[in-house]
mmCIF file of all heavy atoms, coordinates in Angstrom:
data_MODEL
# 
_entry.id   MODEL 
# 
loop_
_atom_site.group_PDB 
_atom_site.id 
_atom_site.type_symbol 
_atom_site.label_atom_id 
_atom_site.label_alt_id 
_atom_site.label_comp_id 
_atom_site.label_asym_id 
_atom_site.label_entity_id 
_atom_site.label_seq_id 
_atom_site.pdbx_PDB_ins_code 
_atom_site.Cartn_x 
_atom_site.Cartn_y 
_atom_site.Cartn_z 
_atom_site.occupancy 
_atom_site.B_iso_or_equiv 
_atom_site.pdbx_formal_charge 
_atom_site.auth_seq_id 
_atom_site.auth_comp_id 
_atom_site.auth_asym_id 
_atom_site.auth_atom_id 
_atom_site.pdbx_PDB_model_num 
ATOM 1   N N   . VAL A 1 1  ? 0.830   -1.181  0.006  1.00 0.00 ? 1  VAL A N   1 
ATOM 2   C CA  . VAL A 1 1  ? -0.031  0.010   -0.010 1.00 0.00 ? 1  VAL A CA  1 
ATOM 3   C C   . VAL A 1 1  ? 0.869   1.236   0.001  1.00 0.00 ? 1  VAL A C   1 
ATOM 4   O O   . VAL A 1 1  ? 1.735   1.432   0.884  1.00 0.00 ? 1  VAL A O   1 
ATOM 5   C CB  . VAL A 1 1  ? -0.950  0.011   1.265  1.00 0.00 ? 1  VAL A CB  1 
ATOM 6   C CG1 . VAL A 1 1  ? -1.760  1.252   1.274  1.00 0.00 ? 1  VAL A CG1 1 
ATOM 7   C CG2 . VAL A 1 1  ? -1.833  -1.232  1.198  1.00 0.00 ? 1  VAL A CG2 1 
ATOM 8   N N   . SER A 1 2  ? 0.686   2.101   -0.961 1.00 0.00 ? 2  SER A N   1 
ATOM 9   C CA  . SER A 1 2  ? 1.408   3.362   -1.074 1.00 0.00 ? 2  SER A CA  1 
ATOM 10  C C   . SER A 1 2  ? 0.936   4.356   0.018  1.00 0.00 ? 2  SER A C   1 
ATOM 11  O O   . SER A 1 2  ? -0.115  4.147   0.632  1.00 0.00 ? 2  SER A O   1 
ATOM 12  C CB  . SER A 1 2  ? 1.284   3.994   -2.443 1.00 0.00 ? 2  SER A CB  1 
ATOM 13  O OG  . SER A 1 2  ? -0.029  4.430   -2.634 1.00 0.00 ? 2  SER A OG  1 
ATOM 14  N N   . ASP A 1 3  ? 1.681   5.458   0.161  1.00 0.00 ? 3  ASP A N   1 
ATOM 15  C CA  . ASP A 1 3  ? 1.291   6.458   1.127  1.00 0.00 ? 3  ASP A CA  1 
ATOM 16  C C   . ASP A 1 3  ? -0.043  7.071   0.788  1.00 0.00 ? 3  ASP A C   1 
ATOM 17  O O   . ASP A 1 3  ? -0.927  7.279   1.704  1.00 0.00 ? 3  ASP A O   1 
ATOM 18  C CB  . ASP A 1 3  ? 2.337   7.572   1.230  1.00 0.00 ? 3  ASP A CB  1 
ATOM 19  C CG  . ASP A 1 3  ? 3.603   7.095   1.886  1.00 0.00 ? 3  ASP A CG  1 
ATOM 20  O OD1 . ASP A 1 3  ? 3.573   6.090   2.616  1.00 0.00 ? 3  ASP A OD1 1 
ATOM 21  O OD2 . ASP A 1 3  ? 4.655   7.750   1.684  1.00 0.00 ? 3  ASP A OD2 1 
ATOM 22  N N   . TYR A 1 4  ? -0.284  7.373   -0.488 1.00 0.00 ? 4  TYR A N   1 
ATOM 23  C CA  . TYR A 1 4  ? -1.580  7.927   -0.898 1.00 0.00 ? 4  TYR A CA  1 
ATOM 24  C C   . TYR A 1 4  ? -2.692  6.917   -0.647 1.00 0.00 ? 4  TYR A C   1 
ATOM 25  O O   . TYR A 1 4  ? -3.749  7.300   -0.114 1.00 0.00 ? 4  TYR A O   1 
ATOM 26  C CB  . TYR A 1 4  ? -1.530  8.349   -2.367 1.00 0.00 ? 4  TYR A CB  1 
ATOM 27  C CG  . TYR A 1 4  ? -2.920  8.744   -2.851 1.00 0.00 ? 4  TYR A CG  1 
ATOM 28  C CD1 . TYR A 1 4  ? -3.443  9.965   -2.549 1.00 0.00 ? 4  TYR A CD1 1 
ATOM 29  C CD2 . TYR A 1 4  ? -3.667  7.882   -3.618 1.00 0.00 ? 4  TYR A CD2 1 
ATOM 30  C CE1 . TYR A 1 4  ? -4.700  10.379  -2.970 1.00 0.00 ? 4  TYR A CE1 1 
ATOM 31  C CE2 . TYR A 1 4  ? -4.935  8.230   -4.052 1.00 0.00 ? 4  TYR A CE2 1 
ATOM 32  C CZ  . TYR A 1 4  ? -5.441  9.482   -3.730 1.00 0.00 ? 4  TYR A CZ  1 
ATOM 33  O OH  . TYR A 1 4  ? -6.681  9.845   -4.155 1.00 0.00 ? 4  TYR A OH  1 
ATOM 34  N N   . ALA A 1 5  ? -2.479  5.682   -1.034 1.00 0.00 ? 5  ALA A N   1 
ATOM 35  C CA  . ALA A 1 5  ? -3.496  4.650   -0.838 1.00 0.00 ? 5  ALA A CA  1 
ATOM 36  C C   . ALA A 1 5  ? -3.784  4.438   0.619  1.00 0.00 ? 5  ALA A C   1 
ATOM 37  O O   . ALA A 1 5  ? -4.939  4.192   1.042  1.00 0.00 ? 5  ALA A O   1 
ATOM 38  C CB  . ALA A 1 5  ? -3.067  3.364   -1.450 1.00 0.00 ? 5  ALA A CB  1 
ATOM 39  N N   . HIS A 1 6  ? -2.731  4.512   1.494  1.00 0.00 ? 6  HIS A N   1 
ATOM 40  C CA  . HIS A 1 6  ? -2.897  4.366   2.927  1.00 0.00 ? 6  HIS A CA  1 
ATOM 41  C C   . HIS A 1 6  ? -3.758  5.489   3.476  1.00 0.00 ? 6  HIS A C   1 
ATOM 42  O O   . HIS A 1 6  ? -4.715  5.235   4.257  1.00 0.00 ? 6  HIS A O   1 
ATOM 43  C CB  . HIS A 1 6  ? -1.516  4.427   3.629  1.00 0.00 ? 6  HIS A CB  1 
ATOM 44  C CG  . HIS A 1 6  ? -1.614  4.204   5.085  1.00 0.00 ? 6  HIS A CG  1 
ATOM 45  N ND1 . HIS A 1 6  ? -0.556  4.562   5.901  1.00 0.00 ? 6  HIS A ND1 1 
ATOM 46  C CD2 . HIS A 1 6  ? -2.501  3.700   5.909  1.00 0.00 ? 6  HIS A CD2 1 
ATOM 47  C CE1 . HIS A 1 6  ? -0.862  4.311   7.119  1.00 0.00 ? 6  HIS A CE1 1 
ATOM 48  N NE2 . HIS A 1 6  ? -2.046  3.761   7.154  1.00 0.00 ? 6  HIS A NE2 1 
ATOM 49  N N   . THR A 1 7  ? -3.612  6.705   3.017  1.00 0.00 ? 7  THR A N   1 
ATOM 50  C CA  . THR A 1 7  ? -4.404  7.840   3.462  1.00 0.00 ? 7  THR A CA  1 
ATOM 51  C C   . THR A 1 7  ? -5.836  7.655   2.982  1.00 0.00 ? 7  THR A C   1 
ATOM 52  O O   . THR A 1 7  ? -6.776  7.887   3.761  1.00 0.00 ? 7  THR A O   1 
ATOM 53  C CB  . THR A 1 7  ? -3.802  9.165   2.920  1.00 0.00 ? 7  THR A CB  1 
ATOM 54  O OG1 . THR A 1 7  ? -2.464  9.314   3.340  1.00 0.00 ? 7  THR A OG1 1 
ATOM 55  C CG2 . THR A 1 7  ? -4.617  10.353  3.382  1.00 0.00 ? 7  THR A CG2 1 
ATOM 56  N N   . ARG A 1 8  ? -5.974  7.293   1.731  1.00 0.00 ? 8  ARG A N   1 
ATOM 57  C CA  . ARG A 1 8  ? -7.348  7.083   1.195  1.00 0.00 ? 8  ARG A CA  1 
ATOM 58  C C   . ARG A 1 8  ? -8.047  5.973   1.878  1.00 0.00 ? 8  ARG A C   1 
ATOM 59  O O   . ARG A 1 8  ? -9.271  6.072   2.190  1.00 0.00 ? 8  ARG A O   1 
ATOM 60  C CB  . ARG A 1 8  ? -7.288  6.847   -0.330 1.00 0.00 ? 8  ARG A CB  1 
ATOM 61  C CG  . ARG A 1 8  ? -8.613  6.803   -0.993 1.00 0.00 ? 8  ARG A CG  1 
ATOM 62  C CD  . ARG A 1 8  ? -9.289  8.155   -0.898 1.00 0.00 ? 8  ARG A CD  1 
ATOM 63  N NE  . ARG A 1 8  ? -10.694 7.959   -1.314 1.00 0.00 ? 8  ARG A NE  1 
ATOM 64  C CZ  . ARG A 1 8  ? -11.737 8.500   -0.691 1.00 0.00 ? 8  ARG A CZ  1 
ATOM 65  N NH1 . ARG A 1 8  ? -11.577 9.214   0.388  1.00 0.00 ? 8  ARG A NH1 1 
ATOM 66  N NH2 . ARG A 1 8  ? -12.926 8.294   -1.134 1.00 0.00 ? 8  ARG A NH2 1 
ATOM 67  N N   . LEU A 1 9  ? -7.348  4.869   2.174  1.00 0.00 ? 9  LEU A N   1 
ATOM 68  C CA  . LEU A 1 9  ? -7.937  3.738   2.924  1.00 0.00 ? 9  LEU A CA  1 
ATOM 69  C C   . LEU A 1 9  ? -8.419  4.204   4.278  1.00 0.00 ? 9  LEU A C   1 
ATOM 70  O O   . LEU A 1 9  ? -9.547  3.843   4.658  1.00 0.00 ? 9  LEU A O   1 
ATOM 71  C CB  . LEU A 1 9  ? -6.868  2.660   3.068  1.00 0.00 ? 9  LEU A CB  1 
ATOM 72  C CG  . LEU A 1 9  ? -7.269  1.444   3.961  1.00 0.00 ? 9  LEU A CG  1 
ATOM 73  C CD1 . LEU A 1 9  ? -8.327  0.615   3.293  1.00 0.00 ? 9  LEU A CD1 1 
ATOM 74  C CD2 . LEU A 1 9  ? -6.049  0.608   4.232  1.00 0.00 ? 9  LEU A CD2 1 
ATOM 75  N N   . GLU A 1 10 ? -7.639  4.946   5.024  1.00 0.00 ? 10 GLU A N   1 
ATOM 76  C CA  . GLU A 1 10 ? -8.050  5.381   6.349  1.00 0.00 ? 10 GLU A CA  1 
ATOM 77  C C   . GLU A 1 10 ? -9.234  6.358   6.215  1.00 0.00 ? 10 GLU A C   1 
ATOM 78  O O   . GLU A 1 10 ? -10.139 6.317   7.068  1.00 0.00 ? 10 GLU A O   1 
ATOM 79  C CB  . GLU A 1 10 ? -6.894  6.040   7.028  1.00 0.00 ? 10 GLU A CB  1 
ATOM 80  C CG  . GLU A 1 10 ? -5.866  5.067   7.564  1.00 0.00 ? 10 GLU A CG  1 
ATOM 81  C CD  . GLU A 1 10 ? -4.773  5.670   8.367  1.00 0.00 ? 10 GLU A CD  1 
ATOM 82  O OE1 . GLU A 1 10 ? -4.640  6.931   8.382  1.00 0.00 ? 10 GLU A OE1 1 
ATOM 83  O OE2 . GLU A 1 10 ? -4.023  4.941   9.048  1.00 0.00 ? 10 GLU A OE2 1 
ATOM 84  N N   . ASP A 1 11 ? -9.228  7.248   5.199  1.00 0.00 ? 11 ASP A N   1 
ATOM 85  C CA  . ASP A 1 11 ? -10.367 8.143   5.054  1.00 0.00 ? 11 ASP A CA  1 
ATOM 86  C C   . ASP A 1 11 ? -11.641 7.349   4.808  1.00 0.00 ? 11 ASP A C   1 
ATOM 87  O O   . ASP A 1 11 ? -12.704 7.696   5.413  1.00 0.00 ? 11 ASP A O   1 
ATOM 88  C CB  . ASP A 1 11 ? -10.123 9.092   3.917  1.00 0.00 ? 11 ASP A CB  1 
ATOM 89  C CG  . ASP A 1 11 ? -9.086  10.135  4.188  1.00 0.00 ? 11 ASP A CG  1 
ATOM 90  O OD1 . ASP A 1 11 ? -8.733  10.338  5.362  1.00 0.00 ? 11 ASP A OD1 1 
ATOM 91  O OD2 . ASP A 1 11 ? -8.568  10.765  3.191  1.00 0.00 ? 11 ASP A OD2 1 
ATOM 92  N N   . ILE A 1 12 ? -11.612 6.372   3.956  1.00 0.00 ? 12 ILE A N   1 
ATOM 93  C CA  . ILE A 1 12 ? -12.796 5.584   3.668  1.00 0.00 ? 12 ILE A CA  1 
ATOM 94  C C   . ILE A 1 12 ? -13.239 4.822   4.915  1.00 0.00 ? 12 ILE A C   1 
ATOM 95  O O   . ILE A 1 12 ? -14.443 4.845   5.293  1.00 0.00 ? 12 ILE A O   1 
ATOM 96  C CB  . ILE A 1 12 ? -12.532 4.603   2.474  1.00 0.00 ? 12 ILE A CB  1 
ATOM 97  C CG1 . ILE A 1 12 ? -12.368 5.364   1.190  1.00 0.00 ? 12 ILE A CG1 1 
ATOM 98  C CG2 . ILE A 1 12 ? -13.665 3.609   2.353  1.00 0.00 ? 12 ILE A CG2 1 
ATOM 99  C CD1 . ILE A 1 12 ? -11.859 4.523   0.038  1.00 0.00 ? 12 ILE A CD1 1 
ATOM 100 N N   . LEU A 1 13 ? -12.347 4.118   5.529  1.00 0.00 ? 13 LEU A N   1 
ATOM 101 C CA  . LEU A 1 13 ? -12.728 3.299   6.658  1.00 0.00 ? 13 LEU A CA  1 
ATOM 102 C C   . LEU A 1 13 ? -13.247 4.067   7.863  1.00 0.00 ? 13 LEU A C   1 
ATOM 103 O O   . LEU A 1 13 ? -14.303 3.814   8.382  1.00 0.00 ? 13 LEU A O   1 
ATOM 104 C CB  . LEU A 1 13 ? -11.544 2.400   7.095  1.00 0.00 ? 13 LEU A CB  1 
ATOM 105 C CG  . LEU A 1 13 ? -11.145 1.311   6.148  1.00 0.00 ? 13 LEU A CG  1 
ATOM 106 C CD1 . LEU A 1 13 ? -9.982  0.510   6.781  1.00 0.00 ? 13 LEU A CD1 1 
ATOM 107 C CD2 . LEU A 1 13 ? -12.278 0.419   5.809  1.00 0.00 ? 13 LEU A CD2 1 
ATOM 108 N N   . PHE A 1 14 ? -12.500 5.078   8.301  1.00 0.00 ? 14 PHE A N   1 
ATOM 109 C CA  . PHE A 1 14 ? -12.812 5.792   9.518  1.00 0.00 ? 14 PHE A CA  1 
ATOM 110 C C   . PHE A 1 14 ? -13.909 6.823   9.385  1.00 0.00 ? 14 PHE A C   1 
ATOM 111 O O   . PHE A 1 14 ? -14.559 7.188   10.347 1.00 0.00 ? 14 PHE A O   1 
ATOM 112 C CB  . PHE A 1 14 ? -11.559 6.391   10.126 1.00 0.00 ? 14 PHE A CB  1 
ATOM 113 C CG  . PHE A 1 14 ? -10.569 5.355   10.538 1.00 0.00 ? 14 PHE A CG  1 
ATOM 114 C CD1 . PHE A 1 14 ? -9.405  5.161   9.889  1.00 0.00 ? 14 PHE A CD1 1 
ATOM 115 C CD2 . PHE A 1 14 ? -10.861 4.528   11.655 1.00 0.00 ? 14 PHE A CD2 1 
ATOM 116 C CE1 . PHE A 1 14 ? -8.502  4.156   10.281 1.00 0.00 ? 14 PHE A CE1 1 
ATOM 117 C CE2 . PHE A 1 14 ? -9.976  3.544   12.062 1.00 0.00 ? 14 PHE A CE2 1 
ATOM 118 C CZ  . PHE A 1 14 ? -8.743  3.351   11.354 1.00 0.00 ? 14 PHE A CZ  1 
ATOM 119 N N   . ASP A 1 15 ? -14.169 7.313   8.165  1.00 0.00 ? 15 ASP A N   1 
ATOM 120 C CA  . ASP A 1 15 ? -15.170 8.335   7.955  1.00 0.00 ? 15 ASP A CA  1 
ATOM 121 C C   . ASP A 1 15 ? -16.560 7.692   7.625  1.00 0.00 ? 15 ASP A C   1 
ATOM 122 O O   . ASP A 1 15 ? -17.584 8.347   7.900  1.00 0.00 ? 15 ASP A O   1 
ATOM 123 C CB  . ASP A 1 15 ? -14.805 9.278   6.815  1.00 0.00 ? 15 ASP A CB  1 
ATOM 124 C CG  . ASP A 1 15 ? -13.575 10.165  7.173  1.00 0.00 ? 15 ASP A CG  1 
ATOM 125 O OD1 . ASP A 1 15 ? -13.277 10.248  8.379  1.00 0.00 ? 15 ASP A OD1 1 
ATOM 126 O OD2 . ASP A 1 15 ? -12.999 10.794  6.266  1.00 0.00 ? 15 ASP A OD2 1 
ATOM 127 N N   . ASN A 1 16 ? -16.549 6.534   7.023  1.00 0.00 ? 16 ASN A N   1 
ATOM 128 C CA  . ASN A 1 16 ? -17.803 6.010   6.481  1.00 0.00 ? 16 ASN A CA  1 
ATOM 129 C C   . ASN A 1 16 ? -18.240 4.715   7.100  1.00 0.00 ? 16 ASN A C   1 
ATOM 130 O O   . ASN A 1 16 ? -19.342 4.243   6.863  1.00 0.00 ? 16 ASN A O   1 
ATOM 131 C CB  . ASN A 1 16 ? -17.683 5.806   4.992  1.00 0.00 ? 16 ASN A CB  1 
ATOM 132 C CG  . ASN A 1 16 ? -17.412 7.090   4.294  1.00 0.00 ? 16 ASN A CG  1 
ATOM 133 O OD1 . ASN A 1 16 ? -18.239 7.977   4.202  1.00 0.00 ? 16 ASN A OD1 1 
ATOM 134 N ND2 . ASN A 1 16 ? -16.160 7.288   3.801  1.00 0.00 ? 16 ASN A ND2 1 
ATOM 135 N N   . PHE A 1 17 ? -17.391 4.039   7.837  1.00 0.00 ? 17 PHE A N   1 
ATOM 136 C CA  . PHE A 1 17 ? -17.719 2.736   8.445  1.00 0.00 ? 17 PHE A CA  1 
ATOM 137 C C   . PHE A 1 17 ? -17.416 2.752   9.912  1.00 0.00 ? 17 PHE A C   1 
ATOM 138 O O   . PHE A 1 17 ? -16.571 3.550   10.376 1.00 0.00 ? 17 PHE A O   1 
ATOM 139 C CB  . PHE A 1 17 ? -16.884 1.628   7.744  1.00 0.00 ? 17 PHE A CB  1 
ATOM 140 C CG  . PHE A 1 17 ? -17.231 1.441   6.300  1.00 0.00 ? 17 PHE A CG  1 
ATOM 141 C CD1 . PHE A 1 17 ? -16.514 2.068   5.299  1.00 0.00 ? 17 PHE A CD1 1 
ATOM 142 C CD2 . PHE A 1 17 ? -18.253 0.550   5.945  1.00 0.00 ? 17 PHE A CD2 1 
ATOM 143 C CE1 . PHE A 1 17 ? -16.864 1.872   3.975  1.00 0.00 ? 17 PHE A CE1 1 
ATOM 144 C CE2 . PHE A 1 17 ? -18.584 0.371   4.628  1.00 0.00 ? 17 PHE A CE2 1 
ATOM 145 C CZ  . PHE A 1 17 ? -17.889 1.032   3.646  1.00 0.00 ? 17 PHE A CZ  1 
ATOM 146 N N   . LYS A 1 18 ? -18.060 1.875   10.633 1.00 0.00 ? 18 LYS A N   1 
ATOM 147 C CA  . LYS A 1 18 ? -17.731 1.637   12.020 1.00 0.00 ? 18 LYS A CA  1 
ATOM 148 C C   . LYS A 1 18 ? -16.801 0.502   12.092 1.00 0.00 ? 18 LYS A C   1 
ATOM 149 O O   . LYS A 1 18 ? -17.035 -0.556  11.527 1.00 0.00 ? 18 LYS A O   1 
ATOM 150 C CB  . LYS A 1 18 ? -19.019 1.304   12.817 1.00 0.00 ? 18 LYS A CB  1 
ATOM 151 C CG  . LYS A 1 18 ? -18.814 1.062   14.254 1.00 0.00 ? 18 LYS A CG  1 
ATOM 152 C CD  . LYS A 1 18 ? -20.104 0.721   14.952 1.00 0.00 ? 18 LYS A CD  1 
ATOM 153 C CE  . LYS A 1 18 ? -19.863 0.384   16.395 1.00 0.00 ? 18 LYS A CE  1 
ATOM 154 N NZ  . LYS A 1 18 ? -21.120 -0.046  17.050 1.00 0.00 ? 18 LYS A NZ  1 
ATOM 155 N N   . ILE A 1 19 ? -15.626 0.666   12.769 1.00 0.00 ? 19 ILE A N   1 
ATOM 156 C CA  . ILE A 1 19 ? -14.656 -0.362  12.901 1.00 0.00 ? 19 ILE A CA  1 
ATOM 157 C C   . ILE A 1 19 ? -15.098 -1.286  14.099 1.00 0.00 ? 19 ILE A C   1 
ATOM 158 O O   . ILE A 1 19 ? -15.096 -0.849  15.238 1.00 0.00 ? 19 ILE A O   1 
ATOM 159 C CB  . ILE A 1 19 ? -13.225 0.187   13.164 1.00 0.00 ? 19 ILE A CB  1 
ATOM 160 C CG1 . ILE A 1 19 ? -12.858 1.239   12.123 1.00 0.00 ? 19 ILE A CG1 1 
ATOM 161 C CG2 . ILE A 1 19 ? -12.189 -0.893  13.244 1.00 0.00 ? 19 ILE A CG2 1 
ATOM 162 C CD1 . ILE A 1 19 ? -12.736 0.738   10.734 1.00 0.00 ? 19 ILE A CD1 1 
ATOM 163 N N   . LEU A 1 20 ? -15.401 -2.548  13.777 1.00 0.00 ? 20 LEU A N   1 
ATOM 164 C CA  . LEU A 1 20 ? -15.841 -3.446  14.782 1.00 0.00 ? 20 LEU A CA  1 
ATOM 165 C C   . LEU A 1 20 ? -14.661 -4.124  15.477 1.00 0.00 ? 20 LEU A C   1 
ATOM 166 O O   . LEU A 1 20 ? -14.657 -4.371  16.705 1.00 0.00 ? 20 LEU A O   1 
ATOM 167 C CB  . LEU A 1 20 ? -16.768 -4.511  14.195 1.00 0.00 ? 20 LEU A CB  1 
ATOM 168 C CG  . LEU A 1 20 ? -18.022 -3.991  13.511 1.00 0.00 ? 20 LEU A CG  1 
ATOM 169 C CD1 . LEU A 1 20 ? -18.789 -5.077  12.857 1.00 0.00 ? 20 LEU A CD1 1 
ATOM 170 C CD2 . LEU A 1 20 ? -18.895 -3.242  14.552 1.00 0.00 ? 20 LEU A CD2 1 
ATOM 171 N N   . SER A 1 21 ? -13.637 -4.458  14.710 1.00 0.00 ? 21 SER A N   1 
ATOM 172 C CA  . SER A 1 21 ? -12.458 -5.078  15.299 1.00 0.00 ? 21 SER A CA  1 
ATOM 173 C C   . SER A 1 21 ? -11.249 -4.892  14.350 1.00 0.00 ? 21 SER A C   1 
ATOM 174 O O   . SER A 1 21 ? -11.417 -4.698  13.169 1.00 0.00 ? 21 SER A O   1 
ATOM 175 C CB  . SER A 1 21 ? -12.680 -6.562  15.608 1.00 0.00 ? 21 SER A CB  1 
ATOM 176 O OG  . SER A 1 21 ? -12.804 -7.300  14.405 1.00 0.00 ? 21 SER A OG  1 
ATOM 177 N N   . THR A 1 22 ? -10.090 -4.958  14.965 1.00 0.00 ? 22 THR A N   1 
ATOM 178 C CA  . THR A 1 22 ? -8.816  -4.891  14.204 1.00 0.00 ? 22 THR A CA  1 
ATOM 179 C C   . THR A 1 22 ? -7.931  -5.984  14.698 1.00 0.00 ? 22 THR A C   1 
ATOM 180 O O   . THR A 1 22 ? -7.780  -6.191  15.909 1.00 0.00 ? 22 THR A O   1 
ATOM 181 C CB  . THR A 1 22 ? -8.154  -3.495  14.429 1.00 0.00 ? 22 THR A CB  1 
ATOM 182 O OG1 . THR A 1 22 ? -9.084  -2.492  14.096 1.00 0.00 ? 22 THR A OG1 1 
ATOM 183 C CG2 . THR A 1 22 ? -6.956  -3.343  13.602 1.00 0.00 ? 22 THR A CG2 1 
ATOM 184 N N   . LYS A 1 23 ? -7.267  -6.681  13.773 1.00 0.00 ? 23 LYS A N   1 
ATOM 185 C CA  . LYS A 1 23 ? -6.335  -7.734  14.140 1.00 0.00 ? 23 LYS A CA  1 
ATOM 186 C C   . LYS A 1 23 ? -5.133  -7.642  13.288 1.00 0.00 ? 23 LYS A C   1 
ATOM 187 O O   . LYS A 1 23 ? -5.234  -7.548  12.049 1.00 0.00 ? 23 LYS A O   1 
ATOM 188 C CB  . LYS A 1 23 ? -7.027  -9.096  13.976 1.00 0.00 ? 23 LYS A CB  1 
ATOM 189 C CG  . LYS A 1 23 ? -6.243  -10.273 14.474 1.00 0.00 ? 23 LYS A CG  1 
ATOM 190 C CD  . LYS A 1 23 ? -6.906  -11.624 14.179 1.00 0.00 ? 23 LYS A CD  1 
ATOM 191 C CE  . LYS A 1 23 ? -8.257  -11.694 14.818 1.00 0.00 ? 23 LYS A CE  1 
ATOM 192 N NZ  . LYS A 1 23 ? -8.883  -13.026 14.607 1.00 0.00 ? 23 LYS A NZ  1 
ATOM 193 N N   . ASP A 1 24 ? -3.930  -7.620  13.889 1.00 0.00 ? 24 ASP A N   1 
ATOM 194 C CA  . ASP A 1 24 ? -2.657  -7.556  13.145 1.00 0.00 ? 24 ASP A CA  1 
ATOM 195 C C   . ASP A 1 24 ? -2.027  -8.926  13.133 1.00 0.00 ? 24 ASP A C   1 
ATOM 196 O O   . ASP A 1 24 ? -1.803  -9.514  14.205 1.00 0.00 ? 24 ASP A O   1 
ATOM 197 C CB  . ASP A 1 24 ? -1.695  -6.579  13.805 1.00 0.00 ? 24 ASP A CB  1 
ATOM 198 C CG  . ASP A 1 24 ? -2.204  -5.138  13.671 1.00 0.00 ? 24 ASP A CG  1 
ATOM 199 O OD1 . ASP A 1 24 ? -2.591  -4.786  12.554 1.00 0.00 ? 24 ASP A OD1 1 
ATOM 200 O OD2 . ASP A 1 24 ? -2.143  -4.403  14.662 1.00 0.00 ? 24 ASP A OD2 1 
ATOM 201 N N   . ILE A 1 25 ? -1.735  -9.441  11.918 1.00 0.00 ? 25 ILE A N   1 
ATOM 202 C CA  . ILE A 1 25 ? -1.106  -10.776 11.784 1.00 0.00 ? 25 ILE A CA  1 
ATOM 203 C C   . ILE A 1 25 ? -0.055  -10.719 10.646 1.00 0.00 ? 25 ILE A C   1 
ATOM 204 O O   . ILE A 1 25 ? -0.405  -10.385 9.508  1.00 0.00 ? 25 ILE A O   1 
ATOM 205 C CB  . ILE A 1 25 ? -2.181  -11.855 11.382 1.00 0.00 ? 25 ILE A CB  1 
ATOM 206 C CG1 . ILE A 1 25 ? -3.278  -11.906 12.432 1.00 0.00 ? 25 ILE A CG1 1 
ATOM 207 C CG2 . ILE A 1 25 ? -1.542  -13.163 11.165 1.00 0.00 ? 25 ILE A CG2 1 
ATOM 208 C CD1 . ILE A 1 25 ? -4.419  -12.839 12.063 1.00 0.00 ? 25 ILE A CD1 1 
ATOM 209 N N   . ASN A 1 26 ? 1.180   -10.908 10.989 1.00 0.00 ? 26 ASN A N   1 
ATOM 210 C CA  . ASN A 1 26 ? 2.257   -11.015 10.053 1.00 0.00 ? 26 ASN A CA  1 
ATOM 211 C C   . ASN A 1 26 ? 2.341   -9.913  9.012  1.00 0.00 ? 26 ASN A C   1 
ATOM 212 O O   . ASN A 1 26 ? 2.342   -10.095 7.804  1.00 0.00 ? 26 ASN A O   1 
ATOM 213 C CB  . ASN A 1 26 ? 2.186   -12.392 9.289  1.00 0.00 ? 26 ASN A CB  1 
ATOM 214 C CG  . ASN A 1 26 ? 2.359   -13.533 10.189 1.00 0.00 ? 26 ASN A CG  1 
ATOM 215 O OD1 . ASN A 1 26 ? 3.052   -13.464 11.234 1.00 0.00 ? 26 ASN A OD1 1 
ATOM 216 N ND2 . ASN A 1 26 ? 1.766   -14.672 9.855  1.00 0.00 ? 26 ASN A ND2 1 
ATOM 217 N N   . GLY A 1 27 ? 2.304   -8.669  9.492  1.00 0.00 ? 27 GLY A N   1 
ATOM 218 C CA  . GLY A 1 27 ? 2.370   -7.536  8.571  1.00 0.00 ? 27 GLY A CA  1 
ATOM 219 C C   . GLY A 1 27 ? 1.074   -7.190  7.846  1.00 0.00 ? 27 GLY A C   1 
ATOM 220 O O   . GLY A 1 27 ? 1.021   -6.340  6.961  1.00 0.00 ? 27 GLY A O   1 
# 
């Protein structure tokens, strides 16, 4: 994921959806 895509991903997820859970596995 590029820096721009990372920013866009966060904008979409955190502005329009409710985050129910987050899990980090192997990067």
